[in-house]
N, C-alpha and C. Protein backbone atom coordinates (compact mmCIF):
# COMPACT_ATOMS: atom_id res chain seq x y z
N MET A 1 -17.00 67.87 -77.39
CA MET A 1 -16.74 67.85 -75.97
C MET A 1 -15.96 69.11 -75.62
N PRO A 2 -16.61 70.13 -75.08
CA PRO A 2 -15.97 71.42 -74.87
C PRO A 2 -15.14 71.45 -73.60
N LEU A 3 -14.10 70.68 -73.55
CA LEU A 3 -13.30 70.55 -72.34
C LEU A 3 -12.23 71.62 -72.24
N ILE A 4 -11.64 72.00 -73.36
CA ILE A 4 -10.49 72.89 -73.31
C ILE A 4 -10.75 74.09 -74.21
N PRO A 5 -11.38 75.13 -73.67
CA PRO A 5 -11.68 76.29 -74.50
C PRO A 5 -10.43 77.14 -74.75
N SER A 6 -10.44 77.85 -75.87
CA SER A 6 -9.36 78.78 -76.15
C SER A 6 -9.67 80.10 -75.46
N VAL A 7 -8.66 80.77 -74.96
CA VAL A 7 -8.88 82.06 -74.32
C VAL A 7 -8.26 83.20 -75.10
N GLY A 8 -7.80 82.95 -76.27
CA GLY A 8 -7.23 84.01 -77.09
C GLY A 8 -6.65 83.44 -78.36
N ALA A 9 -6.33 84.31 -79.28
CA ALA A 9 -5.79 83.87 -80.56
C ALA A 9 -4.52 83.06 -80.38
N ARG A 10 -4.56 81.83 -80.83
CA ARG A 10 -3.41 80.92 -80.80
C ARG A 10 -2.85 80.69 -79.39
N THR A 11 -3.62 81.01 -78.39
CA THR A 11 -3.18 80.79 -77.01
C THR A 11 -4.17 79.85 -76.35
N TYR A 12 -3.65 78.76 -75.79
CA TYR A 12 -4.50 77.81 -75.12
C TYR A 12 -4.35 77.99 -73.63
N GLY A 13 -5.44 77.84 -72.95
CA GLY A 13 -5.39 77.87 -71.50
C GLY A 13 -6.73 77.38 -71.00
N LEU A 14 -6.71 76.73 -69.91
CA LEU A 14 -7.97 76.24 -69.38
C LEU A 14 -8.50 77.27 -68.41
N SER A 15 -9.31 78.19 -68.93
CA SER A 15 -9.89 79.21 -68.08
C SER A 15 -11.07 78.64 -67.32
N ARG A 16 -11.77 77.71 -67.94
CA ARG A 16 -12.87 77.03 -67.25
C ARG A 16 -13.16 75.72 -67.95
N GLY A 17 -13.62 74.77 -67.20
CA GLY A 17 -13.92 73.46 -67.75
C GLY A 17 -14.12 72.47 -66.62
N GLU A 18 -14.41 71.26 -66.99
CA GLU A 18 -14.63 70.24 -65.98
C GLU A 18 -14.28 68.87 -66.52
N ALA A 19 -14.11 67.93 -65.60
CA ALA A 19 -13.85 66.54 -65.97
C ALA A 19 -15.01 66.01 -66.79
N VAL A 20 -14.71 65.06 -67.65
CA VAL A 20 -15.74 64.44 -68.48
C VAL A 20 -16.35 63.27 -67.72
N ILE A 21 -17.67 63.20 -67.73
CA ILE A 21 -18.41 62.13 -67.07
C ILE A 21 -18.76 61.08 -68.11
N VAL A 22 -18.38 59.83 -67.84
CA VAL A 22 -18.73 58.72 -68.73
C VAL A 22 -19.65 57.79 -67.94
N ASP A 23 -20.94 57.83 -68.28
CA ASP A 23 -21.94 57.02 -67.58
C ASP A 23 -21.99 55.64 -68.23
N LEU A 24 -21.63 54.63 -67.46
CA LEU A 24 -21.65 53.24 -67.95
C LEU A 24 -22.88 52.49 -67.47
N GLY A 25 -23.94 53.23 -67.22
CA GLY A 25 -25.20 52.63 -66.78
C GLY A 25 -25.06 51.92 -65.45
N LYS A 26 -25.58 50.71 -65.37
CA LYS A 26 -25.55 49.93 -64.12
C LYS A 26 -24.13 49.61 -63.66
N ARG A 27 -23.18 49.69 -64.57
CA ARG A 27 -21.79 49.35 -64.23
C ARG A 27 -21.10 50.45 -63.42
N GLY A 28 -21.59 51.69 -63.53
CA GLY A 28 -21.00 52.78 -62.76
C GLY A 28 -20.65 53.98 -63.62
N THR A 29 -19.86 54.87 -63.06
CA THR A 29 -19.49 56.11 -63.72
C THR A 29 -17.97 56.26 -63.69
N LEU A 30 -17.43 56.66 -64.81
CA LEU A 30 -16.01 56.91 -64.96
C LEU A 30 -15.83 58.42 -65.16
N PHE A 31 -14.76 58.97 -64.62
CA PHE A 31 -14.46 60.39 -64.78
C PHE A 31 -13.10 60.54 -65.44
N ALA A 32 -13.05 61.29 -66.53
CA ALA A 32 -11.79 61.64 -67.19
C ALA A 32 -11.41 63.03 -66.69
N LEU A 33 -10.32 63.11 -65.94
CA LEU A 33 -9.96 64.33 -65.21
C LEU A 33 -9.15 65.33 -66.03
N LEU A 34 -8.92 66.48 -65.43
CA LEU A 34 -8.16 67.55 -66.05
C LEU A 34 -6.66 67.44 -65.74
N GLN A 35 -6.21 66.24 -65.48
CA GLN A 35 -4.78 65.94 -65.36
C GLN A 35 -4.56 64.61 -66.07
N ASN A 36 -3.30 64.29 -66.33
CA ASN A 36 -3.06 63.04 -67.03
C ASN A 36 -2.69 61.92 -66.07
N VAL A 37 -2.51 60.74 -66.60
CA VAL A 37 -2.21 59.55 -65.81
C VAL A 37 -0.96 59.75 -64.96
N TYR A 38 -0.03 60.56 -65.45
CA TYR A 38 1.27 60.71 -64.79
C TYR A 38 1.30 61.87 -63.80
N GLY A 39 0.19 62.59 -63.64
CA GLY A 39 0.15 63.71 -62.70
C GLY A 39 0.80 64.95 -63.31
N GLY A 40 1.07 65.91 -62.48
CA GLY A 40 1.68 67.15 -62.95
C GLY A 40 0.64 68.18 -63.34
N VAL A 41 1.12 69.39 -63.54
CA VAL A 41 0.22 70.48 -63.87
C VAL A 41 0.27 70.78 -65.36
N GLY A 42 -0.76 71.46 -65.84
CA GLY A 42 -0.78 71.91 -67.22
C GLY A 42 -1.15 70.87 -68.25
N TYR A 43 -1.70 69.74 -67.82
CA TYR A 43 -2.05 68.67 -68.76
C TYR A 43 -3.00 69.16 -69.84
N SER A 44 -4.10 69.79 -69.44
CA SER A 44 -5.10 70.18 -70.43
C SER A 44 -4.53 71.18 -71.43
N TYR A 45 -3.67 72.07 -70.97
CA TYR A 45 -2.99 73.01 -71.87
C TYR A 45 -2.10 72.25 -72.86
N ARG A 46 -1.28 71.35 -72.34
CA ARG A 46 -0.33 70.62 -73.19
C ARG A 46 -1.05 69.73 -74.20
N VAL A 47 -2.07 69.01 -73.78
CA VAL A 47 -2.73 68.09 -74.70
C VAL A 47 -3.44 68.87 -75.82
N ALA A 48 -3.99 70.02 -75.50
CA ALA A 48 -4.62 70.84 -76.54
C ALA A 48 -3.59 71.36 -77.53
N LEU A 49 -2.49 71.88 -77.01
CA LEU A 49 -1.45 72.44 -77.87
C LEU A 49 -0.81 71.36 -78.73
N GLN A 50 -0.57 70.18 -78.17
CA GLN A 50 0.02 69.09 -78.94
C GLN A 50 -0.94 68.56 -80.01
N SER A 51 -2.22 68.55 -79.69
CA SER A 51 -3.21 68.00 -80.62
C SER A 51 -3.61 68.99 -81.70
N PHE A 52 -3.65 70.26 -81.34
CA PHE A 52 -4.06 71.31 -82.28
C PHE A 52 -3.05 72.45 -82.25
N PRO A 53 -1.86 72.27 -82.83
CA PRO A 53 -0.82 73.29 -82.75
C PRO A 53 -1.22 74.62 -83.38
N ASP A 54 -2.14 74.60 -84.36
CA ASP A 54 -2.62 75.84 -84.96
C ASP A 54 -4.14 75.83 -84.90
N LYS A 55 -4.66 76.05 -83.69
CA LYS A 55 -6.10 75.96 -83.47
C LYS A 55 -6.89 76.88 -84.40
N GLU A 56 -6.38 78.07 -84.64
CA GLU A 56 -7.11 79.03 -85.47
C GLU A 56 -7.30 78.52 -86.90
N ALA A 57 -6.41 77.68 -87.38
CA ALA A 57 -6.52 77.12 -88.73
C ALA A 57 -7.23 75.76 -88.73
N THR A 58 -7.62 75.30 -87.56
CA THR A 58 -8.26 73.98 -87.45
C THR A 58 -9.77 74.15 -87.47
N PRO A 59 -10.46 73.51 -88.42
CA PRO A 59 -11.92 73.68 -88.51
C PRO A 59 -12.66 73.08 -87.32
N ILE A 60 -13.79 73.70 -86.99
CA ILE A 60 -14.69 73.16 -85.97
C ILE A 60 -15.04 71.73 -86.38
N GLY A 61 -15.06 70.83 -85.43
CA GLY A 61 -15.38 69.43 -85.70
C GLY A 61 -14.16 68.54 -85.89
N THR A 62 -12.97 69.15 -85.96
CA THR A 62 -11.75 68.34 -86.09
C THR A 62 -11.54 67.56 -84.81
N LYS A 63 -11.35 66.26 -84.95
CA LYS A 63 -11.18 65.37 -83.80
C LYS A 63 -9.80 64.73 -83.87
N VAL A 64 -9.16 64.63 -82.72
CA VAL A 64 -7.85 63.97 -82.63
C VAL A 64 -7.97 62.84 -81.61
N VAL A 65 -7.62 61.64 -82.03
CA VAL A 65 -7.59 60.49 -81.12
C VAL A 65 -6.26 60.55 -80.37
N LEU A 66 -6.34 60.51 -79.04
CA LEU A 66 -5.14 60.62 -78.21
C LEU A 66 -4.40 59.29 -78.12
N PRO A 67 -3.07 59.33 -78.21
CA PRO A 67 -2.30 58.12 -77.91
C PRO A 67 -2.35 57.89 -76.40
N THR A 68 -2.07 56.69 -75.96
CA THR A 68 -2.13 56.39 -74.52
C THR A 68 -1.21 57.29 -73.70
N THR A 69 -0.15 57.80 -74.31
CA THR A 69 0.75 58.69 -73.58
C THR A 69 0.11 60.02 -73.24
N ARG A 70 -1.02 60.33 -73.85
CA ARG A 70 -1.73 61.59 -73.57
C ARG A 70 -3.07 61.37 -72.90
N TYR A 71 -3.34 60.17 -72.43
CA TYR A 71 -4.63 59.91 -71.77
C TYR A 71 -4.78 60.74 -70.49
N PRO A 72 -6.01 61.17 -70.23
CA PRO A 72 -6.26 61.83 -68.95
C PRO A 72 -6.30 60.79 -67.83
N LYS A 73 -6.18 61.26 -66.62
CA LYS A 73 -6.35 60.37 -65.47
C LYS A 73 -7.82 59.97 -65.41
N LEU A 74 -8.07 58.68 -65.30
CA LEU A 74 -9.43 58.15 -65.22
C LEU A 74 -9.65 57.61 -63.82
N VAL A 75 -10.78 58.00 -63.21
CA VAL A 75 -11.08 57.54 -61.86
C VAL A 75 -12.54 57.13 -61.76
N ARG A 76 -12.83 56.44 -60.66
CA ARG A 76 -14.21 56.14 -60.29
C ARG A 76 -14.29 56.29 -58.77
N PHE A 77 -15.51 56.31 -58.25
CA PHE A 77 -15.73 56.34 -56.81
C PHE A 77 -16.49 55.08 -56.42
N LYS A 78 -15.97 54.35 -55.43
CA LYS A 78 -16.70 53.18 -54.93
C LYS A 78 -18.05 53.61 -54.40
N GLU A 79 -18.05 54.76 -53.72
CA GLU A 79 -19.28 55.39 -53.24
C GLU A 79 -19.28 56.81 -53.80
N ILE A 80 -20.16 57.08 -54.72
CA ILE A 80 -20.17 58.35 -55.44
C ILE A 80 -20.33 59.55 -54.51
N THR A 81 -20.89 59.32 -53.32
CA THR A 81 -21.10 60.41 -52.37
C THR A 81 -19.90 60.67 -51.47
N ASN A 82 -18.84 59.88 -51.63
CA ASN A 82 -17.69 59.98 -50.73
C ASN A 82 -16.39 60.14 -51.53
N PRO A 83 -15.80 61.35 -51.56
CA PRO A 83 -14.58 61.56 -52.33
C PRO A 83 -13.40 60.72 -51.86
N ALA A 84 -13.44 60.26 -50.62
CA ALA A 84 -12.34 59.43 -50.09
C ALA A 84 -12.31 58.04 -50.72
N THR A 85 -13.35 57.66 -51.47
CA THR A 85 -13.41 56.33 -52.08
C THR A 85 -12.95 56.34 -53.54
N VAL A 86 -12.26 57.39 -53.96
CA VAL A 86 -11.78 57.51 -55.34
C VAL A 86 -10.75 56.41 -55.63
N GLU A 87 -10.83 55.87 -56.85
CA GLU A 87 -9.89 54.84 -57.29
C GLU A 87 -9.43 55.14 -58.71
N SER A 88 -8.13 54.98 -58.95
CA SER A 88 -7.59 55.19 -60.29
C SER A 88 -7.91 53.99 -61.18
N ILE A 89 -8.28 54.28 -62.41
CA ILE A 89 -8.60 53.23 -63.38
C ILE A 89 -7.32 52.76 -64.08
N LEU A 90 -6.50 53.71 -64.49
CA LEU A 90 -5.25 53.40 -65.18
C LEU A 90 -4.09 53.81 -64.29
N GLU A 91 -3.07 52.97 -64.22
CA GLU A 91 -1.88 53.30 -63.44
C GLU A 91 -0.67 53.23 -64.36
N PRO A 92 0.21 54.21 -64.24
CA PRO A 92 1.38 54.22 -65.12
C PRO A 92 2.37 53.11 -64.81
N ALA A 93 3.04 52.63 -65.85
CA ALA A 93 4.08 51.62 -65.68
C ALA A 93 5.39 52.29 -65.28
N ASN A 94 5.54 53.54 -65.68
CA ASN A 94 6.75 54.30 -65.36
C ASN A 94 6.36 55.77 -65.31
N LYS A 95 7.30 56.65 -65.18
CA LYS A 95 6.99 58.07 -65.06
C LYS A 95 6.85 58.76 -66.40
N CYS A 96 6.84 58.00 -67.48
CA CYS A 96 6.82 58.64 -68.79
C CYS A 96 5.64 58.23 -69.64
N CYS A 97 5.68 57.07 -70.16
CA CYS A 97 4.88 56.87 -71.35
C CYS A 97 4.01 55.63 -71.45
N GLU A 98 4.04 54.73 -70.53
CA GLU A 98 3.30 53.48 -70.71
C GLU A 98 2.23 53.31 -69.63
N ILE A 99 1.10 52.74 -70.04
CA ILE A 99 0.06 52.38 -69.09
C ILE A 99 0.44 51.01 -68.53
N GLY A 100 0.54 50.90 -67.22
CA GLY A 100 0.95 49.65 -66.59
C GLY A 100 -0.24 48.76 -66.25
N ILE A 101 -1.14 49.29 -65.43
CA ILE A 101 -2.28 48.50 -64.96
C ILE A 101 -3.56 49.19 -65.41
N ASN A 102 -4.46 48.40 -65.96
CA ASN A 102 -5.75 48.89 -66.42
C ASN A 102 -6.83 48.16 -65.62
N HIS A 103 -7.55 48.91 -64.77
CA HIS A 103 -8.55 48.32 -63.89
C HIS A 103 -9.98 48.39 -64.46
N LEU A 104 -10.15 48.70 -65.72
CA LEU A 104 -11.50 48.85 -66.27
C LEU A 104 -12.38 47.63 -66.01
N GLU A 105 -11.92 46.45 -66.37
CA GLU A 105 -12.73 45.25 -66.16
C GLU A 105 -12.87 44.93 -64.68
N ASP A 106 -11.84 45.19 -63.87
CA ASP A 106 -11.92 44.95 -62.43
C ASP A 106 -13.05 45.77 -61.81
N PHE A 107 -13.17 47.02 -62.21
CA PHE A 107 -14.13 47.94 -61.58
C PHE A 107 -15.50 47.95 -62.25
N PHE A 108 -15.54 47.72 -63.58
CA PHE A 108 -16.80 47.89 -64.30
C PHE A 108 -17.34 46.62 -64.94
N GLY A 109 -16.59 45.53 -64.92
CA GLY A 109 -17.09 44.27 -65.44
C GLY A 109 -16.43 43.83 -66.73
N LYS A 110 -16.59 42.55 -66.99
CA LYS A 110 -15.98 41.92 -68.16
C LYS A 110 -16.41 42.62 -69.44
N GLY A 111 -15.44 42.82 -70.31
CA GLY A 111 -15.70 43.40 -71.62
C GLY A 111 -15.61 44.91 -71.68
N VAL A 112 -15.49 45.59 -70.54
CA VAL A 112 -15.38 47.05 -70.55
C VAL A 112 -13.94 47.41 -70.89
N ARG A 113 -13.78 48.21 -71.94
CA ARG A 113 -12.45 48.62 -72.36
C ARG A 113 -12.53 49.99 -73.01
N ILE A 114 -11.38 50.59 -73.18
CA ILE A 114 -11.30 51.88 -73.87
C ILE A 114 -11.09 51.60 -75.35
N LYS A 115 -12.02 52.06 -76.16
CA LYS A 115 -11.86 51.95 -77.60
C LYS A 115 -10.93 53.07 -78.07
N GLU A 116 -11.22 54.29 -77.64
CA GLU A 116 -10.37 55.43 -77.93
C GLU A 116 -10.76 56.58 -77.02
N ILE A 117 -9.82 57.50 -76.85
CA ILE A 117 -10.09 58.76 -76.16
C ILE A 117 -9.70 59.85 -77.13
N SER A 118 -10.61 60.78 -77.36
CA SER A 118 -10.34 61.83 -78.33
C SER A 118 -10.75 63.19 -77.78
N ILE A 119 -10.20 64.23 -78.41
CA ILE A 119 -10.63 65.60 -78.13
C ILE A 119 -11.03 66.21 -79.46
N GLU A 120 -11.89 67.23 -79.39
CA GLU A 120 -12.43 67.80 -80.61
C GLU A 120 -12.55 69.31 -80.49
N ILE A 121 -12.29 70.00 -81.58
CA ILE A 121 -12.51 71.44 -81.65
C ILE A 121 -14.02 71.66 -81.77
N THR A 122 -14.56 72.50 -80.90
CA THR A 122 -15.99 72.75 -80.90
C THR A 122 -16.27 74.18 -80.49
N ASN A 123 -17.45 74.66 -80.81
CA ASN A 123 -17.87 75.96 -80.31
C ASN A 123 -19.03 75.80 -79.33
N ASP A 124 -19.22 74.59 -78.82
CA ASP A 124 -20.25 74.32 -77.81
C ASP A 124 -19.87 75.01 -76.50
N GLU A 125 -20.87 75.26 -75.69
CA GLU A 125 -20.63 75.81 -74.36
C GLU A 125 -19.93 74.77 -73.49
N VAL A 126 -19.12 75.24 -72.56
CA VAL A 126 -18.47 74.34 -71.60
C VAL A 126 -19.56 73.76 -70.71
N THR A 127 -19.52 72.45 -70.50
CA THR A 127 -20.53 71.80 -69.67
C THR A 127 -20.30 72.14 -68.19
N THR A 128 -21.39 72.05 -67.44
CA THR A 128 -21.31 72.34 -66.00
C THR A 128 -22.12 71.31 -65.22
N ASP A 129 -22.04 70.06 -65.63
CA ASP A 129 -22.85 69.00 -65.03
C ASP A 129 -22.16 68.25 -63.90
N ILE A 130 -20.88 68.42 -63.72
CA ILE A 130 -20.16 67.56 -62.78
C ILE A 130 -20.64 67.74 -61.34
N LYS A 131 -21.03 68.94 -60.97
CA LYS A 131 -21.49 69.16 -59.59
C LYS A 131 -22.86 68.54 -59.35
N LYS A 132 -23.58 68.24 -60.42
CA LYS A 132 -24.84 67.49 -60.28
C LYS A 132 -24.54 66.03 -59.97
N LYS A 133 -23.51 65.49 -60.60
CA LYS A 133 -23.13 64.09 -60.40
C LYS A 133 -22.34 63.92 -59.09
N LEU A 134 -21.54 64.92 -58.74
CA LEU A 134 -20.72 64.90 -57.52
C LEU A 134 -21.07 66.14 -56.68
N PRO A 135 -22.25 66.15 -56.02
CA PRO A 135 -22.70 67.35 -55.33
C PRO A 135 -21.75 67.84 -54.23
N TRP A 136 -20.95 66.94 -53.69
CA TRP A 136 -20.01 67.35 -52.65
C TRP A 136 -18.94 68.31 -53.18
N LEU A 137 -18.75 68.37 -54.51
CA LEU A 137 -17.81 69.35 -55.07
C LEU A 137 -18.25 70.78 -54.76
N SER A 138 -19.57 71.00 -54.65
CA SER A 138 -20.09 72.34 -54.35
C SER A 138 -19.71 72.81 -52.95
N SER A 139 -19.41 71.89 -52.07
CA SER A 139 -19.06 72.28 -50.70
C SER A 139 -17.59 72.70 -50.58
N ILE A 140 -16.81 72.49 -51.64
CA ILE A 140 -15.40 72.89 -51.62
C ILE A 140 -15.31 74.32 -52.11
N LYS A 141 -14.84 75.19 -51.26
CA LYS A 141 -14.75 76.61 -51.61
C LYS A 141 -13.32 76.97 -51.98
N CYS A 142 -13.19 77.66 -53.07
CA CYS A 142 -11.87 78.09 -53.53
C CYS A 142 -11.87 79.61 -53.61
N GLU A 143 -10.71 80.21 -53.33
CA GLU A 143 -10.57 81.65 -53.48
C GLU A 143 -9.79 81.94 -54.75
N LYS A 144 -10.45 82.60 -55.70
CA LYS A 144 -9.81 82.93 -56.98
C LYS A 144 -9.15 81.71 -57.60
N ASN A 145 -9.88 80.61 -57.60
CA ASN A 145 -9.42 79.34 -58.19
C ASN A 145 -8.23 78.74 -57.44
N ASP A 146 -7.97 79.21 -56.22
CA ASP A 146 -6.88 78.66 -55.40
C ASP A 146 -7.48 77.71 -54.38
N CYS A 147 -7.37 76.43 -54.67
CA CYS A 147 -7.93 75.41 -53.79
C CYS A 147 -6.86 74.76 -52.93
N VAL A 148 -5.66 75.27 -53.00
CA VAL A 148 -4.56 74.67 -52.24
C VAL A 148 -4.75 74.90 -50.75
N LYS A 149 -5.35 76.02 -50.37
CA LYS A 149 -5.48 76.37 -48.96
C LYS A 149 -6.62 75.64 -48.25
N ILE A 150 -7.45 74.93 -48.99
CA ILE A 150 -8.58 74.25 -48.37
C ILE A 150 -8.20 72.82 -48.00
N ARG A 151 -9.00 72.22 -47.14
CA ARG A 151 -8.80 70.81 -46.80
C ARG A 151 -9.18 69.97 -48.01
N ASN A 152 -8.27 69.15 -48.46
CA ASN A 152 -8.49 68.32 -49.63
C ASN A 152 -9.29 67.08 -49.22
N PRO A 153 -10.47 66.85 -49.82
CA PRO A 153 -11.29 65.69 -49.43
C PRO A 153 -10.79 64.36 -49.99
N PHE A 154 -9.80 64.40 -50.88
CA PHE A 154 -9.31 63.18 -51.51
C PHE A 154 -8.16 62.59 -50.70
N PRO A 155 -8.01 61.27 -50.73
CA PRO A 155 -6.87 60.66 -50.03
C PRO A 155 -5.56 61.20 -50.60
N SER A 156 -4.59 61.45 -49.75
CA SER A 156 -3.32 62.05 -50.20
C SER A 156 -2.63 61.18 -51.26
N LYS A 157 -2.74 59.85 -51.14
CA LYS A 157 -2.08 58.97 -52.11
C LYS A 157 -2.67 59.11 -53.52
N SER A 158 -3.91 59.64 -53.63
CA SER A 158 -4.53 59.79 -54.95
C SER A 158 -3.88 60.92 -55.74
N GLY A 159 -3.30 61.90 -55.05
CA GLY A 159 -2.70 63.04 -55.74
C GLY A 159 -3.71 63.97 -56.37
N LEU A 160 -5.00 63.83 -56.02
CA LEU A 160 -6.05 64.62 -56.64
C LEU A 160 -6.36 65.88 -55.84
N THR A 161 -6.88 66.88 -56.55
CA THR A 161 -7.40 68.09 -55.93
C THR A 161 -8.70 68.46 -56.63
N PHE A 162 -9.39 69.44 -56.07
CA PHE A 162 -10.64 69.94 -56.63
C PHE A 162 -10.45 70.34 -58.09
N THR A 163 -9.32 70.98 -58.42
CA THR A 163 -9.13 71.49 -59.78
C THR A 163 -8.84 70.39 -60.81
N ASP A 164 -8.74 69.16 -60.38
CA ASP A 164 -8.68 68.06 -61.34
C ASP A 164 -10.08 67.75 -61.88
N PHE A 165 -11.11 68.25 -61.18
CA PHE A 165 -12.49 68.03 -61.58
C PHE A 165 -13.13 69.28 -62.18
N VAL A 166 -12.78 70.44 -61.65
CA VAL A 166 -13.41 71.70 -62.06
C VAL A 166 -12.36 72.81 -62.07
N LYS A 167 -12.39 73.62 -63.14
CA LYS A 167 -11.52 74.80 -63.20
C LYS A 167 -12.35 76.00 -63.64
N GLY A 168 -12.18 77.09 -62.92
CA GLY A 168 -12.77 78.35 -63.34
C GLY A 168 -14.27 78.46 -63.19
N GLN A 169 -14.86 77.67 -62.32
CA GLN A 169 -16.32 77.77 -62.13
C GLN A 169 -16.65 78.15 -60.72
């Protein structure tokens, strides 16, 4: 899963990438975003650095299972064509380390759960499929990756922005 590419020797940075799409068939679609459950900036950088402190010495194919404290923010859309219908799947219990509410079964049906969330060192190309699944993302224009100046299509209480879904594209 080429989510967090390296941009230099032993330096991590998210120069480009996108949220991961998890297709649950008839049950719906889940999105693992480029921020964590607790919000804040730099999540993708931090999770890569914490998981692979010496990326250059880590072989391709090395996979790290994330603890819940490092989970990305997971969301779904009640109506996939409307960004205002975004809903959080996991909600924090506090500002630090625990998952409080898990809406997986509420939103996707009985028996749906997270077995694990992992990241992996890969040399695959960064995927660019998210705008096919969420075509309205293409209508959001950013200047030099600065999306702060545009009208945010997400509800303010969600805390989401365009760059939680796409960076550097």
